[in-house]
Amino acid sequence: MIQGVVTLGSLMAKILSAKIEGSSPVQQSLYSQFRKIKLDTTLGKLSRILDRDHFALVVHTQRLCKYALLLLQLPFFLSKIVIDSIYFGFLLLTYYISCKERCY
């Protein structure tokens, strides 16, 4: 289960404002508001998500095959959510600007 994301910027801001210190648990510096999206999500939808949230996690579901420790050794499958990448608003802006520069 994904708990959240820690960014260098938010970590530095919280340390400088004395909200956390070096001995604080990571949980105190997590961004817990985020959206999970899939690889086929359009850039337009990603842009609307980033208007509300600081970042979006690109995830996919991975199926894992395990074998039961019974005499029959029958397989069973587990699903696990895997993070492919993280998108921040400035990354989408950078992509948009670089596309504009190449087209003109």
PDB file of N, CA and C in Angstrom:
ATOM      1  N   MET A   1       0.837  -1.183   0.000  1.00  0.00           N
ATOM      2  CA  MET A   1       0.000   0.000   0.000  1.00  0.00           C
ATOM      3  C   MET A   1       0.882   1.247   0.000  1.00  0.00           C
ATOM      4  N   ILE A   2       0.574   2.178  -0.857  1.00  0.00           N
ATOM      5  CA  ILE A   2       1.342   3.405  -0.983  1.00  0.00           C
ATOM      6  C   ILE A   2       0.864   4.398   0.069  1.00  0.00           C
ATOM      7  N   GLN A   3       1.765   4.849   0.918  1.00  0.00           N
ATOM      8  CA  GLN A   3       1.417   5.765   2.004  1.00  0.00           C
ATOM      9  C   GLN A   3       1.472   7.221   1.560  1.00  0.00           C
ATOM     10  N   GLY A   4       2.414   7.560   0.689  1.00  0.00           N
ATOM     11  CA  GLY A   4       2.586   8.934   0.254  1.00  0.00           C
ATOM     12  C   GLY A   4       3.954   9.137  -0.340  1.00  0.00           C
ATOM     13  N   VAL A   5       4.311  10.382  -0.566  1.00  0.00           N
ATOM     14  CA  VAL A   5       5.591  10.735  -1.179  1.00  0.00           C
ATOM     15  C   VAL A   5       6.240  11.840  -0.367  1.00  0.00           C
ATOM     16  N   VAL A   6       7.552  11.753  -0.230  1.00  0.00           N
ATOM     17  CA  VAL A   6       8.325  12.803   0.426  1.00  0.00           C
ATOM     18  C   VAL A   6       9.141  13.502  -0.657  1.00  0.00           C
ATOM     19  N   THR A   7       9.037  14.817  -0.721  1.00  0.00           N
ATOM     20  CA  THR A   7       9.844  15.573  -1.678  1.00  0.00           C
ATOM     21  C   THR A   7      10.919  16.343  -0.926  1.00  0.00           C
ATOM     22  N   LEU A   8      11.994  16.627  -1.613  1.00  0.00           N
ATOM     23  CA  LEU A   8      13.079  17.377  -0.997  1.00  0.00           C
ATOM     24  C   LEU A   8      12.607  18.763  -0.566  1.00  0.00           C
ATOM     25  N   GLY A   9      11.796  19.398  -1.403  1.00  0.00           N
ATOM     26  CA  GLY A   9      11.299  20.736  -1.076  1.00  0.00           C
ATOM     27  C   GLY A   9      10.472  20.767   0.192  1.00  0.00           C
ATOM     28  N   SER A  10       9.533  19.814   0.314  1.00  0.00           N
ATOM     29  CA  SER A  10       8.694  19.808   1.516  1.00  0.00           C
ATOM     30  C   SER A  10       9.494  19.389   2.739  1.00  0.00           C
ATOM     31  N   LEU A  11      10.443  18.502   2.557  1.00  0.00           N
ATOM     32  CA  LEU A  11      11.293  18.071   3.667  1.00  0.00           C
ATOM     33  C   LEU A  11      12.121  19.243   4.199  1.00  0.00           C
ATOM     34  N   MET A  12      12.724  20.001   3.291  1.00  0.00           N
ATOM     35  CA  MET A  12      13.530  21.168   3.689  1.00  0.00           C
ATOM     36  C   MET A  12      12.650  22.221   4.372  1.00  0.00           C
ATOM     37  N   ALA A  13      11.459  22.472   3.825  1.00  0.00           N
ATOM     38  CA  ALA A  13      10.563  23.472   4.415  1.00  0.00           C
ATOM     39  C   ALA A  13      10.154  23.085   5.832  1.00  0.00           C
ATOM     40  N   LYS A  14       9.861  21.818   6.051  1.00  0.00           N
ATOM     41  CA  LYS A  14       9.451  21.374   7.382  1.00  0.00           C
ATOM     42  C   LYS A  14      10.607  21.381   8.367  1.00  0.00           C
ATOM     43  N   ILE A  15      11.803  21.080   7.896  1.00  0.00           N
ATOM     44  CA  ILE A  15      12.976  21.131   8.777  1.00  0.00           C
ATOM     45  C   ILE A  15      13.276  22.581   9.156  1.00  0.00           C
ATOM     46  N   LEU A  16      13.247  23.483   8.173  1.00  0.00           N
ATOM     47  CA  LEU A  16      13.549  24.893   8.440  1.00  0.00           C
ATOM     48  C   LEU A  16      12.496  25.561   9.329  1.00  0.00           C
ATOM     49  N   SER A  17      11.253  25.105   9.250  1.00  0.00           N
ATOM     50  CA  SER A  17      10.203  25.682  10.106  1.00  0.00           C
ATOM     51  C   SER A  17      10.079  24.934  11.435  1.00  0.00           C
ATOM     52  N   ALA A  18      10.979  24.014  11.685  1.00  0.00           N
ATOM     53  CA  ALA A  18      11.048  23.235  12.933  1.00  0.00           C
ATOM     54  C   ALA A  18       9.807  22.368  13.171  1.00  0.00           C
ATOM     55  N   LYS A  19       9.110  21.983  12.098  1.00  0.00           N
ATOM     56  CA  LYS A  19       7.978  21.075  12.239  1.00  0.00           C
ATOM     57  C   LYS A  19       8.450  19.630  12.394  1.00  0.00           C
ATOM     58  N   ILE A  20       9.625  19.334  11.827  1.00  0.00           N
ATOM     59  CA  ILE A  20      10.244  18.021  11.989  1.00  0.00           C
ATOM     60  C   ILE A  20      11.726  18.216  12.247  1.00  0.00           C
ATOM     61  N   GLU A  21      12.373  17.149  12.698  1.00  0.00           N
ATOM     62  CA  GLU A  21      13.827  17.186  12.902  1.00  0.00           C
ATOM     63  C   GLU A  21      14.407  15.871  12.410  1.00  0.00           C
ATOM     64  N   GLY A  22      15.683  15.716  12.501  1.00  0.00           N
ATOM     65  CA  GLY A  22      16.356  14.530  11.985  1.00  0.00           C
ATOM     66  C   GLY A  22      15.875  13.224  12.585  1.00  0.00           C
ATOM     67  N   SER A  23      15.377  13.250  13.796  1.00  0.00           N
ATOM     68  CA  SER A  23      14.907  12.020  14.448  1.00  0.00           C
ATOM     69  C   SER A  23      13.415  11.761  14.226  1.00  0.00           C
ATOM     70  N   SER A  24      12.737  12.630  13.481  1.00  0.00           N
ATOM     71  CA  SER A  24      11.297  12.454  13.215  1.00  0.00           C
ATOM     72  C   SER A  24      11.071  11.294  12.254  1.00  0.00           C
ATOM     73  N   PRO A  25       9.964  10.565  12.415  1.00  0.00           N
ATOM     74  CA  PRO A  25       9.667   9.492  11.458  1.00  0.00           C
ATOM     75  C   PRO A  25       9.270  10.070  10.099  1.00  0.00           C
ATOM     76  N   VAL A  26       9.527   9.312   9.049  1.00  0.00           N
ATOM     77  CA  VAL A  26       9.220   9.745   7.683  1.00  0.00           C
ATOM     78  C   VAL A  26       7.739  10.076   7.532  1.00  0.00           C
ATOM     79  N   GLN A  27       6.896   9.374   8.234  1.00  0.00           N
ATOM     80  CA  GLN A  27       5.450   9.567   8.125  1.00  0.00           C
ATOM     81  C   GLN A  27       5.030  11.018   8.372  1.00  0.00           C
ATOM     82  N   GLN A  28       5.795  11.758   9.190  1.00  0.00           N
ATOM     83  CA  GLN A  28       5.449  13.155   9.476  1.00  0.00           C
ATOM     84  C   GLN A  28       5.718  14.092   8.301  1.00  0.00           C
ATOM     85  N   SER A  29       6.453  13.628   7.308  1.00  0.00           N
ATOM     86  CA  SER A  29       6.760  14.509   6.179  1.00  0.00           C
ATOM     87  C   SER A  29       6.143  14.028   4.867  1.00  0.00           C
ATOM     88  N   LEU A  30       5.192  13.113   4.937  1.00  0.00           N
ATOM     89  CA  LEU A  30       4.563  12.568   3.732  1.00  0.00           C
ATOM     90  C   LEU A  30       3.520  13.505   3.149  1.00  0.00           C
ATOM     91  N   TYR A  31       3.497  13.578   1.819  1.00  0.00           N
ATOM     92  CA  TYR A  31       2.337  14.110   1.103  1.00  0.00           C
ATOM     93  C   TYR A  31       1.409  12.933   0.936  1.00  0.00           C
ATOM     94  N   SER A  32       0.251  12.989   1.537  1.00  0.00           N
ATOM     95  CA  SER A  32      -0.659  11.854   1.434  1.00  0.00           C
ATOM     96  C   SER A  32      -1.786  12.104   0.442  1.00  0.00           C
ATOM     97  N   GLN A  33      -1.873  13.319  -0.092  1.00  0.00           N
ATOM     98  CA  GLN A  33      -2.898  13.626  -1.084  1.00  0.00           C
ATOM     99  C   GLN A  33      -2.283  13.486  -2.465  1.00  0.00           C
ATOM    100  N   PHE A  34      -2.669  12.438  -3.173  1.00  0.00           N
ATOM    101  CA  PHE A  34      -2.164  12.196  -4.512  1.00  0.00           C
ATOM    102  C   PHE A  34      -3.161  11.333  -5.263  1.00  0.00           C
ATOM    103  N   ARG A  35      -2.997  11.271  -6.562  1.00  0.00           N
ATOM    104  CA  ARG A  35      -3.862  10.434  -7.402  1.00  0.00           C
ATOM    105  C   ARG A  35      -3.012   9.369  -8.065  1.00  0.00           C
ATOM    106  N   LYS A  36      -3.587   8.193  -8.201  1.00  0.00           N
ATOM    107  CA  LYS A  36      -2.956   7.112  -8.955  1.00  0.00           C
ATOM    108  C   LYS A  36      -3.553   7.124 -10.353  1.00  0.00           C
ATOM    109  N   ILE A  37      -2.706   7.080 -11.364  1.00  0.00           N
ATOM    110  CA  ILE A  37      -3.169   7.042 -12.744  1.00  0.00           C
ATOM    111  C   ILE A  37      -2.484   5.883 -13.463  1.00  0.00           C
ATOM    112  N   LYS A  38      -3.023   5.520 -14.627  1.00  0.00           N
ATOM    113  CA  LYS A  38      -2.438   4.451 -15.431  1.00  0.00           C
ATOM    114  C   LYS A  38      -1.654   5.049 -16.590  1.00  0.00           C
ATOM    115  N   LEU A  39      -0.865   4.216 -17.266  1.00  0.00           N
ATOM    116  CA  LEU A  39      -0.038   4.685 -18.373  1.00  0.00           C
ATOM    117  C   LEU A  39      -0.853   5.238 -19.539  1.00  0.00           C
ATOM    118  N   ASP A  40      -2.095   4.809 -19.693  1.00  0.00           N
ATOM    119  CA  ASP A  40      -2.904   5.284 -20.809  1.00  0.00           C
ATOM    120  C   ASP A  40      -3.705   6.547 -20.480  1.00  0.00           C
ATOM    121  N   THR A  41      -3.479   7.143 -19.324  1.00  0.00           N
ATOM    122  CA  THR A  41      -4.136   8.405 -18.952  1.00  0.00           C
ATOM    123  C   THR A  41      -3.640   9.506 -19.893  1.00  0.00           C
ATOM    124  N   THR A  42      -4.548  10.320 -20.396  1.00  0.00           N
ATOM    125  CA  THR A  42      -4.152  11.381 -21.326  1.00  0.00           C
ATOM    126  C   THR A  42      -3.449  12.516 -20.588  1.00  0.00           C
ATOM    127  N   LEU A  43      -2.652  13.287 -21.327  1.00  0.00           N
ATOM    128  CA  LEU A  43      -1.976  14.439 -20.733  1.00  0.00           C
ATOM    129  C   LEU A  43      -2.979  15.492 -20.277  1.00  0.00           C
ATOM    130  N   GLY A  44      -4.104  15.594 -20.979  1.00  0.00           N
ATOM    131  CA  GLY A  44      -5.149  16.535 -20.567  1.00  0.00           C
ATOM    132  C   GLY A  44      -5.709  16.182 -19.202  1.00  0.00           C
ATOM    133  N   LYS A  45      -5.983  14.902 -18.994  1.00  0.00           N
ATOM    134  CA  LYS A  45      -6.499  14.475 -17.688  1.00  0.00           C
ATOM    135  C   LYS A  45      -5.438  14.652 -16.614  1.00  0.00           C
ATOM    136  N   LEU A  46      -4.178  14.335 -16.946  1.00  0.00           N
ATOM    137  CA  LEU A  46      -3.083  14.535 -15.994  1.00  0.00           C
ATOM    138  C   LEU A  46      -2.979  16.004 -15.607  1.00  0.00           C
ATOM    139  N   SER A  47      -3.129  16.893 -16.572  1.00  0.00           N
ATOM    140  CA  SER A  47      -3.073  18.329 -16.301  1.00  0.00           C
ATOM    141  C   SER A  47      -4.159  18.751 -15.318  1.00  0.00           C
ATOM    142  N   ARG A  48      -5.376  18.234 -15.490  1.00  0.00           N
ATOM    143  CA  ARG A  48      -6.475  18.563 -14.569  1.00  0.00           C
ATOM    144  C   ARG A  48      -6.216  18.001 -13.169  1.00  0.00           C
ATOM    145  N   ILE A  49      -5.618  16.825 -13.101  1.00  0.00           N
ATOM    146  CA  ILE A  49      -5.274  16.235 -11.800  1.00  0.00           C
ATOM    147  C   ILE A  49      -4.237  17.102 -11.098  1.00  0.00           C
ATOM    148  N   LEU A  50      -3.243  17.560 -11.837  1.00  0.00           N
ATOM    149  CA  LEU A  50      -2.165  18.357 -11.243  1.00  0.00           C
ATOM    150  C   LEU A  50      -2.611  19.771 -10.878  1.00  0.00           C
ATOM    151  N   ASP A  51      -3.783  20.197 -11.367  1.00  0.00           N
ATOM    152  CA  ASP A  51      -4.361  21.469 -10.910  1.00  0.00           C
ATOM    153  C   ASP A  51      -4.791  21.380  -9.446  1.00  0.00           C
ATOM    154  N   ARG A  52      -5.169  20.170  -9.013  1.00  0.00           N
ATOM    155  CA  ARG A  52      -5.674  19.976  -7.644  1.00  0.00           C
ATOM    156  C   ARG A  52      -4.644  19.345  -6.708  1.00  0.00           C
ATOM    157  N   ASP A  53      -3.808  18.463  -7.237  1.00  0.00           N
ATOM    158  CA  ASP A  53      -2.865  17.711  -6.408  1.00  0.00           C
ATOM    159  C   ASP A  53      -1.428  18.066  -6.775  1.00  0.00           C
ATOM    160  N   HIS A  54      -0.513  17.870  -5.827  1.00  0.00           N
ATOM    161  CA  HIS A  54       0.892  18.196  -6.062  1.00  0.00           C
ATOM    162  C   HIS A  54       1.562  17.245  -7.040  1.00  0.00           C
ATOM    163  N   PHE A  55       1.096  16.015  -7.085  1.00  0.00           N
ATOM    164  CA  PHE A  55       1.715  15.029  -7.962  1.00  0.00           C
ATOM    165  C   PHE A  55       0.741  13.893  -8.242  1.00  0.00           C
ATOM    166  N   ALA A  56       1.096  13.081  -9.237  1.00  0.00           N
ATOM    167  CA  ALA A  56       0.313  11.893  -9.580  1.00  0.00           C
ATOM    168  C   ALA A  56       1.283  10.725  -9.729  1.00  0.00           C
ATOM    169  N   LEU A  57       0.870   9.574  -9.258  1.00  0.00           N
ATOM    170  CA  LEU A  57       1.684   8.368  -9.370  1.00  0.00           C
ATOM    171  C   LEU A  57       1.163   7.519 -10.520  1.00  0.00           C
ATOM    172  N   VAL A  58       2.053   7.162 -11.440  1.00  0.00           N
ATOM    173  CA  VAL A  58       1.684   6.264 -12.529  1.00  0.00           C
ATOM    174  C   VAL A  58       1.915   4.846 -12.023  1.00  0.00           C
ATOM    175  N   VAL A  59       0.835   4.061 -11.963  1.00  0.00           N
ATOM    176  CA  VAL A  59       0.912   2.724 -11.376  1.00  0.00           C
ATOM    177  C   VAL A  59       0.366   1.681 -12.345  1.00  0.00           C
ATOM    178  N   HIS A  60       0.766   0.448 -12.110  1.00  0.00           N
ATOM    179  CA  HIS A  60       0.137  -0.686 -12.791  1.00  0.00           C
ATOM    180  C   HIS A  60       0.058  -1.842 -11.806  1.00  0.00           C
ATOM    181  N   THR A  61      -0.836  -2.769 -12.109  1.00  0.00           N
ATOM    182  CA  THR A  61      -1.023  -3.925 -11.246  1.00  0.00           C
ATOM    183  C   THR A  61      -0.194  -5.085 -11.792  1.00  0.00           C
ATOM    184  N   GLN A  62       0.607  -5.657 -10.941  1.00  0.00           N
ATOM    185  CA  GLN A  62       1.460  -6.771 -11.319  1.00  0.00           C
ATOM    186  C   GLN A  62       0.896  -8.040 -10.684  1.00  0.00           C
ATOM    187  N   ARG A  63       0.759  -9.091 -11.479  1.00  0.00           N
ATOM    188  CA  ARG A  63       0.279 -10.370 -10.949  1.00  0.00           C
ATOM    189  C   ARG A  63       1.469 -11.248 -10.603  1.00  0.00           C
ATOM    190  N   LEU A  64       1.455 -11.799  -9.409  1.00  0.00           N
ATOM    191  CA  LEU A  64       2.524 -12.665  -8.941  1.00  0.00           C
ATOM    192  C   LEU A  64       1.977 -14.068  -8.756  1.00  0.00           C
ATOM    193  N   CYS A  65       2.734 -15.040  -9.199  1.00  0.00           N
ATOM    194  CA  CYS A  65       2.329 -16.432  -9.048  1.00  0.00           C
ATOM    195  C   CYS A  65       3.111 -17.044  -7.887  1.00  0.00           C
ATOM    196  N   LYS A  66       2.405 -17.619  -6.955  1.00  0.00           N
ATOM    197  CA  LYS A  66       3.031 -18.309  -5.820  1.00  0.00           C
ATOM    198  C   LYS A  66       2.472 -19.719  -5.777  1.00  0.00           C
ATOM    199  N   TYR A  67       3.179 -20.578  -5.118  1.00  0.00           N
ATOM    200  CA  TYR A  67       2.709 -21.959  -4.975  1.00  0.00           C
ATOM    201  C   TYR A  67       2.409 -22.235  -3.515  1.00  0.00           C
ATOM    202  N   ALA A  68       1.263 -22.859  -3.304  1.00  0.00           N
ATOM    203  CA  ALA A  68       0.875 -23.209  -1.943  1.00  0.00           C
ATOM    204  C   ALA A  68       1.779 -24.315  -1.422  1.00  0.00           C
ATOM    205  N   LEU A  69       2.000 -24.325  -0.140  1.00  0.00           N
ATOM    206  CA  LEU A  69       2.862 -25.339   0.456  1.00  0.00           C
ATOM    207  C   LEU A  69       2.079 -26.612   0.790  1.00  0.00           C
ATOM    208  N   LEU A  70       1.184 -26.961  -0.086  1.00  0.00           N
ATOM    209  CA  LEU A  70       0.408 -28.184   0.077  1.00  0.00           C
ATOM    210  C   LEU A  70       1.018 -29.293  -0.776  1.00  0.00           C
ATOM    211  N   LEU A  71       0.536 -30.479  -0.611  1.00  0.00           N
ATOM    212  CA  LEU A  71       1.042 -31.605  -1.391  1.00  0.00           C
ATOM    213  C   LEU A  71       0.799 -31.431  -2.885  1.00  0.00           C
ATOM    214  N   LEU A  72      -0.289 -30.769  -3.252  1.00  0.00           N
ATOM    215  CA  LEU A  72      -0.634 -30.621  -4.661  1.00  0.00           C
ATOM    216  C   LEU A  72       0.174 -29.535  -5.368  1.00  0.00           C
ATOM    217  N   GLN A  73       0.770 -28.616  -4.620  1.00  0.00           N
ATOM    218  CA  GLN A  73       1.538 -27.501  -5.184  1.00  0.00           C
ATOM    219  C   GLN A  73       0.741 -26.717  -6.230  1.00  0.00           C
ATOM    220  N   LEU A  74      -0.494 -26.393  -5.904  1.00  0.00           N
ATOM    221  CA  LEU A  74      -1.328 -25.609  -6.811  1.00  0.00           C
ATOM    222  C   LEU A  74      -0.916 -24.144  -6.773  1.00  0.00           C
ATOM    223  N   PRO A  75      -0.825 -23.507  -7.937  1.00  0.00           N
ATOM    224  CA  PRO A  75      -0.450 -22.084  -7.945  1.00  0.00           C
ATOM    225  C   PRO A  75      -1.613 -21.204  -7.510  1.00  0.00           C
ATOM    226  N   PHE A  76      -1.302 -20.075  -6.920  1.00  0.00           N
ATOM    227  CA  PHE A  76      -2.292 -19.044  -6.664  1.00  0.00           C
ATOM    228  C   PHE A  76      -1.656 -17.704  -7.018  1.00  0.00           C
ATOM    229  N   PHE A  77      -2.478 -16.733  -7.326  1.00  0.00           N
ATOM    230  CA  PHE A  77      -1.998 -15.460  -7.830  1.00  0.00           C
ATOM    231  C   PHE A  77      -2.294 -14.338  -6.852  1.00  0.00           C
ATOM    232  N   LEU A  78      -1.345 -13.454  -6.715  1.00  0.00           N
ATOM    233  CA  LEU A  78      -1.496 -12.256  -5.905  1.00  0.00           C
ATOM    234  C   LEU A  78      -1.359 -11.050  -6.813  1.00  0.00           C
ATOM    235  N   SER A  79      -2.017  -9.963  -6.470  1.00  0.00           N
ATOM    236  CA  SER A  79      -1.868  -8.713  -7.215  1.00  0.00           C
ATOM    237  C   SER A  79      -1.120  -7.714  -6.349  1.00  0.00           C
ATOM    238  N   LYS A  80      -0.240  -6.969  -6.987  1.00  0.00           N
ATOM    239  CA  LYS A  80       0.575  -5.976  -6.288  1.00  0.00           C
ATOM    240  C   LYS A  80       0.594  -4.708  -7.124  1.00  0.00           C
ATOM    241  N   ILE A  81       0.373  -3.555  -6.497  1.00  0.00           N
ATOM    242  CA  ILE A  81       0.438  -2.278  -7.214  1.00  0.00           C
ATOM    243  C   ILE A  81       1.891  -1.813  -7.241  1.00  0.00           C
ATOM    244  N   VAL A  82       2.383  -1.505  -8.439  1.00  0.00           N
ATOM    245  CA  VAL A  82       3.765  -1.087  -8.635  1.00  0.00           C
ATOM    246  C   VAL A  82       3.774   0.334  -9.197  1.00  0.00           C
ATOM    247  N   ILE A  83       4.641   1.186  -8.664  1.00  0.00           N
ATOM    248  CA  ILE A  83       4.767   2.565  -9.159  1.00  0.00           C
ATOM    249  C   ILE A  83       5.746   2.586 -10.327  1.00  0.00           C
ATOM    250  N   ASP A  84       5.282   3.107 -11.470  1.00  0.00           N
ATOM    251  CA  ASP A  84       6.147   3.274 -12.636  1.00  0.00           C
ATOM    252  C   ASP A  84       6.892   4.600 -12.581  1.00  0.00           C
ATOM    253  N   SER A  85       6.179   5.668 -12.266  1.00  0.00           N
ATOM    254  CA  SER A  85       6.799   6.988 -12.245  1.00  0.00           C
ATOM    255  C   SER A  85       5.929   7.956 -11.439  1.00  0.00           C
ATOM    256  N   ILE A  86       6.500   9.125 -11.203  1.00  0.00           N
ATOM    257  CA  ILE A  86       5.810  10.184 -10.479  1.00  0.00           C
ATOM    258  C   ILE A  86       5.823  11.428 -11.363  1.00  0.00           C
ATOM    259  N   TYR A  87       4.659  12.060 -11.520  1.00  0.00           N
ATOM    260  CA  TYR A  87       4.570  13.293 -12.298  1.00  0.00           C
ATOM    261  C   TYR A  87       4.242  14.458 -11.385  1.00  0.00           C
ATOM    262  N   PHE A  88       5.018  15.519 -11.534  1.00  0.00           N
ATOM    263  CA  PHE A  88       4.773  16.778 -10.836  1.00  0.00           C
ATOM    264  C   PHE A  88       4.323  17.803 -11.872  1.00  0.00           C
ATOM    265  N   GLY A  89       3.656  18.845 -11.427  1.00  0.00           N
ATOM    266  CA  GLY A  89       3.144  19.863 -12.341  1.00  0.00           C
ATOM    267  C   GLY A  89       4.206  20.497 -13.215  1.00  0.00           C
ATOM    268  N   PHE A  90       5.378  20.763 -12.665  1.00  0.00           N
ATOM    269  CA  PHE A  90       6.416  21.428 -13.459  1.00  0.00           C
ATOM    270  C   PHE A  90       6.930  20.513 -14.571  1.00  0.00           C
ATOM    271  N   LEU A  91       6.832  19.193 -14.424  1.00  0.00           N
ATOM    272  CA  LEU A  91       7.256  18.280 -15.483  1.00  0.00           C
ATOM    273  C   LEU A  91       6.343  18.391 -16.694  1.00  0.00           C
ATOM    274  N   LEU A  92       5.042  18.514 -16.453  1.00  0.00           N
ATOM    275  CA  LEU A  92       4.096  18.670 -17.548  1.00  0.00           C
ATOM    276  C   LEU A  92       4.316  20.006 -18.244  1.00  0.00           C
ATOM    277  N   LEU A  93       4.585  21.062 -17.487  1.00  0.00           N
ATOM    278  CA  LEU A  93       4.869  22.370 -18.062  1.00  0.00           C
ATOM    279  C   LEU A  93       6.147  22.327 -18.899  1.00  0.00           C
ATOM    280  N   THR A  94       7.184  21.674 -18.399  1.00  0.00           N
ATOM    281  CA  THR A  94       8.439  21.536 -19.134  1.00  0.00           C
ATOM    282  C   THR A  94       8.228  20.786 -20.442  1.00  0.00           C
ATOM    283  N   TYR A  95       7.432  19.720 -20.401  1.00  0.00           N
ATOM    284  CA  TYR A  95       7.127  18.959 -21.606  1.00  0.00           C
ATOM    285  C   TYR A  95       6.384  19.831 -22.616  1.00  0.00           C
ATOM    286  N   TYR A  96       5.404  20.574 -22.150  1.00  0.00           N
ATOM    287  CA  TYR A  96       4.607  21.425 -23.030  1.00  0.00           C
ATOM    288  C   TYR A  96       5.480  22.490 -23.691  1.00  0.00           C
ATOM    289  N   ILE A  97       6.343  23.118 -22.917  1.00  0.00           N
ATOM    290  CA  ILE A  97       7.225  24.171 -23.452  1.00  0.00           C
ATOM    291  C   ILE A  97       8.187  23.596 -24.489  1.00  0.00           C
ATOM    292  N   SER A  98       8.756  22.418 -24.196  1.00  0.00           N
ATOM    293  CA  SER A  98       9.713  21.828 -25.142  1.00  0.00           C
ATOM    294  C   SER A  98       9.009  21.427 -26.440  1.00  0.00           C
ATOM    295  N   CYS A  99       7.749  21.001 -26.368  1.00  0.00           N
ATOM    296  CA  CYS A  99       6.999  20.669 -27.574  1.00  0.00           C
ATOM    297  C   CYS A  99       6.726  21.914 -28.396  1.00  0.00           C
ATOM    298  N   LYS A 100       6.364  23.012 -27.732  1.00  0.00           N
ATOM    299  CA  LYS A 100       6.103  24.279 -28.424  1.00  0.00           C
ATOM    300  C   LYS A 100       7.355  24.778 -29.154  1.00  0.00           C
ATOM    301  N   GLU A 101       8.517  24.651 -28.492  1.00  0.00           N
ATOM    302  CA  GLU A 101       9.762  25.126 -29.083  1.00  0.00           C
ATOM    303  C   GLU A 101      10.138  24.306 -30.308  1.00  0.00           C
ATOM    304  N   ARG A 102       9.877  23.011 -30.289  1.00  0.00           N
ATOM    305  CA  ARG A 102      10.204  22.163 -31.438  1.00  0.00           C
ATOM    306  C   ARG A 102       9.276  22.408 -32.604  1.00  0.00           C
ATOM    307  N   CYS A 103       8.034  22.808 -32.329  1.00  0.00           N
ATOM    308  CA  CYS A 103       7.043  22.980 -33.401  1.00  0.00           C
ATOM    309  C   CYS A 103       7.188  24.328 -34.109  1.00  0.00           C
ATOM    310  N   TYR A 104       7.840  25.314 -33.473  1.00  0.00           N
ATOM    311  CA  TYR A 104       7.924  26.658 -34.082  1.00  0.00           C
ATOM    312  C   TYR A 104       9.322  27.027 -34.439  1.00  0.00           C
TER     313      TYR A 104
END
